[in-house]
């Protein structure tokens, strides 16, 4: 092999090694990212949903209204390369302000469905507000190394704001949480439902 050919082979191998080291595929093989930054006045219509039956994930987020609106949000879903029981993480981070004579209506639901191998828990948030300043983080984690869903929210609003959480295992446990306010309020609330599982290889995806 000539020196020129040998150098070309070394260069190709170096490029392949560099790509492999820098590739997120070493940690996960499926990724969804949605970053939205918006500011203005007018009609707001936003819908995001995600269902992954391998991990029991169900997620729905809907908002509709008309007024002065500003939002900075990031949705991320990452799944590790572990076959049929692939660890999955979801995070939803949102900072939002709204002011309008027409109420901004929103519903967010995140579930870990037991029928698909989840822990049988869900958290739901809903609101109808004419004013709102809200910072929120929502999380779903599957087998990394535990199963959990969580919602951490800080909100100032004028209107109605409600959260509900439930965790049910037949013949084992039944947990329910309900919070609702109507009027002008400042609220901080953390809801987290978590269940340990057998130790597995760490998934270096998103975490809460």
Protein backbone atom coordinates (compact mmCIF):
# COMPACT_ATOMS: atom_id res chain seq x y z
CA UNK A 1 0.00 0.00 0.00
CA UNK A 2 1.40 3.37 -1.02
CA UNK A 3 1.89 6.15 1.53
CA UNK A 4 -0.84 8.28 -0.13
CA UNK A 5 -3.40 5.46 0.02
CA UNK A 6 -2.41 4.69 3.63
CA UNK A 7 -2.92 8.34 4.61
CA UNK A 8 -6.33 8.41 2.90
CA UNK A 9 -7.39 5.28 4.81
CA UNK A 10 -6.24 6.83 8.11
CA UNK A 11 -8.19 10.01 7.31
CA UNK A 12 -11.41 8.07 6.59
CA UNK A 13 -11.03 6.05 9.80
CA UNK A 14 -10.47 9.24 11.80
CA UNK A 15 -13.61 10.84 10.34
CA UNK A 16 -15.69 7.73 11.14
CA UNK A 17 -14.36 7.62 14.71
CA UNK A 18 -15.03 11.31 15.22
CA UNK A 19 -18.59 10.99 13.93
CA UNK A 20 -19.24 8.00 16.18
CA UNK A 21 -17.94 9.78 19.27
CA UNK A 22 -20.00 12.89 18.57
CA UNK A 23 -23.17 11.14 17.52
CA UNK A 24 -26.15 11.19 19.89
CA UNK A 25 -26.96 7.74 18.53
CA UNK A 26 -24.60 6.29 21.12
CA UNK A 27 -27.19 7.22 23.79
CA UNK A 28 -30.48 7.01 21.89
CA UNK A 29 -31.72 6.13 18.45
CA UNK A 30 -34.98 8.10 18.28
CA UNK A 31 -35.25 11.81 19.02
CA UNK A 32 -37.97 14.45 18.67
CA UNK A 33 -37.21 18.11 19.44
CA UNK A 34 -39.58 21.06 19.01
CA UNK A 35 -38.41 24.53 20.06
CA UNK A 36 -40.94 27.38 19.74
CA UNK A 37 -40.39 31.06 20.54
CA UNK A 38 -43.26 33.40 19.70
CA UNK A 39 -44.45 36.88 20.70
CA UNK A 40 -47.40 38.81 19.29
CA UNK A 41 -51.12 39.55 19.32
CA UNK A 42 -53.79 37.43 17.67
CA UNK A 43 -55.16 33.90 17.51
CA UNK A 44 -53.32 31.13 19.39
CA UNK A 45 -53.85 27.48 18.39
CA UNK A 46 -51.18 25.02 19.60
CA UNK A 47 -51.45 21.22 19.84
CA UNK A 48 -48.74 18.69 20.68
CA UNK A 49 -49.24 14.97 21.32
CA UNK A 50 -47.03 11.92 21.74
CA UNK A 51 -47.85 8.23 22.24
CA UNK A 52 -45.22 5.51 22.71
CA UNK A 53 -46.72 2.13 23.56
CA UNK A 54 -43.32 0.56 24.16
CA UNK A 55 -42.91 2.67 27.31
CA UNK A 56 -46.55 3.45 28.23
CA UNK A 57 -46.22 7.15 27.34
CA UNK A 58 -49.27 9.24 26.46
CA UNK A 59 -48.89 13.03 26.29
CA UNK A 60 -51.31 15.72 25.09
CA UNK A 61 -50.92 19.50 25.23
CA UNK A 62 -53.53 21.87 23.74
CA UNK A 63 -53.94 25.68 23.97
CA UNK A 64 -56.41 27.98 22.25
CA UNK A 65 -57.18 31.68 22.67
CA UNK A 66 -56.83 35.17 21.26
CA UNK A 67 -54.85 38.02 22.79
CA UNK A 68 -51.33 39.21 23.64
CA UNK A 69 -49.15 36.11 23.82
CA UNK A 70 -45.49 35.31 24.40
CA UNK A 71 -44.01 31.85 24.81
CA UNK A 72 -40.64 30.10 24.88
CA UNK A 73 -41.07 26.32 24.88
CA UNK A 74 -39.06 23.16 24.22
CA UNK A 75 -40.42 19.63 23.77
CA UNK A 76 -37.93 16.77 23.67
CA UNK A 77 -38.44 13.01 23.42
CA UNK A 78 -35.51 10.58 23.32
CA UNK A 79 -35.56 6.78 23.19
CA UNK A 80 -32.58 4.58 23.96
CA UNK A 81 -31.57 1.70 21.65
CA UNK A 82 -32.82 -1.12 23.90
CA UNK A 83 -35.28 -2.98 21.72
CA UNK A 84 -38.93 -3.51 22.56
CA UNK A 85 -38.68 -2.16 26.15
CA UNK A 86 -36.70 0.91 25.14
CA UNK A 87 -36.19 3.55 27.86
CA UNK A 88 -37.94 6.77 26.87
CA UNK A 89 -37.64 10.27 28.34
CA UNK A 90 -39.87 13.25 27.60
CA UNK A 91 -39.44 16.81 28.85
CA UNK A 92 -41.64 19.81 28.14
CA UNK A 93 -40.33 23.17 29.36
CA UNK A 94 -42.53 26.25 28.90
CA UNK A 95 -42.38 29.92 29.92
CA UNK A 96 -45.55 31.72 28.82
CA UNK A 97 -47.42 35.00 29.33
CA UNK A 98 -50.93 35.85 28.12
CA UNK A 99 -53.31 38.81 28.33
CA UNK A 100 -56.63 38.97 26.53
CA UNK A 101 -60.36 39.57 26.83
CA UNK A 102 -60.97 36.11 25.33
CA UNK A 103 -59.89 33.38 27.79
CA UNK A 104 -56.86 31.30 26.87
CA UNK A 105 -57.94 27.68 27.33
CA UNK A 106 -55.38 24.94 27.85
CA UNK A 107 -55.23 21.25 28.75
CA UNK A 108 -52.12 19.15 29.38
CA UNK A 109 -52.18 15.41 30.15
CA UNK A 110 -49.25 13.06 30.73
CA UNK A 111 -49.80 9.35 31.43
CA UNK A 112 -47.78 6.25 32.17
CA UNK A 113 -50.23 3.59 30.98
CA UNK A 114 -50.07 0.30 32.88
CA UNK A 115 -51.63 -1.58 29.96
CA UNK A 116 -48.43 -0.85 28.01
CA UNK A 117 -46.03 -1.53 30.88
CA UNK A 118 -46.15 1.87 32.64
CA UNK A 119 -46.85 2.52 36.31
CA UNK A 120 -50.56 3.36 35.96
CA UNK A 121 -50.27 7.07 36.77
CA UNK A 122 -51.37 10.32 35.17
CA UNK A 123 -51.16 14.08 35.77
CA UNK A 124 -53.49 16.63 34.18
CA UNK A 125 -53.51 20.42 34.14
CA UNK A 126 -56.27 22.63 32.70
CA UNK A 127 -56.94 26.37 32.70
CA UNK A 128 -59.15 29.11 31.27
CA UNK A 129 -57.55 32.51 31.96
CA UNK A 130 -57.63 36.10 30.76
CA UNK A 131 -54.18 36.73 32.30
CA UNK A 132 -51.38 34.27 32.95
CA UNK A 133 -47.63 34.19 33.61
CA UNK A 134 -46.55 30.55 33.80
CA UNK A 135 -43.28 28.63 34.07
CA UNK A 136 -43.64 24.88 33.85
CA UNK A 137 -41.65 21.71 33.35
CA UNK A 138 -43.27 18.35 32.60
CA UNK A 139 -41.37 15.07 32.62
CA UNK A 140 -41.85 11.41 31.72
CA UNK A 141 -39.05 8.92 32.41
CA UNK A 142 -39.17 5.23 31.61
CA UNK A 143 -36.71 2.68 33.05
CA UNK A 144 -33.76 4.98 33.52
CA UNK A 145 -33.52 3.43 36.12
CA UNK A 146 -37.06 4.17 37.39
CA UNK A 147 -40.45 5.05 35.96
CA UNK A 148 -41.75 8.51 36.81
CA UNK A 149 -43.99 11.35 35.67
CA UNK A 150 -43.77 14.87 37.08
CA UNK A 151 -45.08 18.40 36.63
CA UNK A 152 -43.42 21.43 38.25
CA UNK A 153 -45.35 24.68 37.74
CA UNK A 154 -45.25 28.28 38.94
CA UNK A 155 -48.18 30.39 37.73
CA UNK A 156 -49.82 33.77 38.29
CA UNK A 157 -53.25 34.00 36.68
CA UNK A 158 -56.73 35.48 36.56
CA UNK A 159 -59.29 32.80 35.79
CA UNK A 160 -59.56 29.10 36.57
CA UNK A 161 -56.62 26.71 37.00
CA UNK A 162 -56.90 23.02 37.93
CA UNK A 163 -54.59 20.04 38.38
CA UNK A 164 -55.50 16.39 38.91
CA UNK A 165 -53.24 13.42 39.52
CA UNK A 166 -54.02 9.73 39.93
CA UNK A 167 -51.99 6.59 40.56
CA UNK A 168 -53.82 3.29 40.53
CA UNK A 169 -52.74 -0.34 40.78
CA UNK A 170 -55.51 -2.87 41.10
CA UNK A 171 -55.60 -4.44 44.58
CA UNK A 172 -52.44 -2.48 45.53
CA UNK A 173 -52.78 1.31 45.62
CA UNK A 174 -55.05 4.21 44.74
CA UNK A 175 -53.77 7.79 45.02
CA UNK A 176 -55.64 10.91 43.90
CA UNK A 177 -54.78 14.62 44.05
CA UNK A 178 -57.05 17.51 43.02
CA UNK A 179 -56.32 21.26 43.15
CA UNK A 180 -58.50 24.01 41.67
CA UNK A 181 -58.53 27.82 42.01
CA UNK A 182 -60.85 30.36 40.45
CA UNK A 183 -60.01 34.05 40.67
CA UNK A 184 -56.65 35.83 40.84
CA UNK A 185 -53.90 33.63 42.32
CA UNK A 186 -50.18 32.91 42.51
CA UNK A 187 -49.50 29.17 42.63
CA UNK A 188 -46.42 26.96 42.89
CA UNK A 189 -46.96 23.22 42.69
CA UNK A 190 -44.79 20.13 42.17
CA UNK A 191 -46.44 16.79 41.36
CA UNK A 192 -44.22 13.74 41.03
CA UNK A 193 -45.11 10.05 40.85
CA UNK A 194 -42.20 7.64 40.76
CA UNK A 195 -41.63 3.92 41.05
CA UNK A 196 -38.26 2.19 41.31
CA UNK A 197 -37.42 -0.63 38.95
CA UNK A 198 -34.69 -3.19 38.61
CA UNK A 199 -31.29 -1.58 37.85
CA UNK A 200 -30.56 -1.28 34.16
CA UNK A 201 -27.94 0.38 32.03
CA UNK A 202 -28.19 4.15 32.45
CA UNK A 203 -29.84 5.97 29.56
CA UNK A 204 -28.07 9.29 29.17
CA UNK A 205 -31.08 11.00 27.63
CA UNK A 206 -33.17 13.79 29.14
CA UNK A 207 -33.69 13.86 32.92
CA UNK A 208 -35.81 15.79 35.40
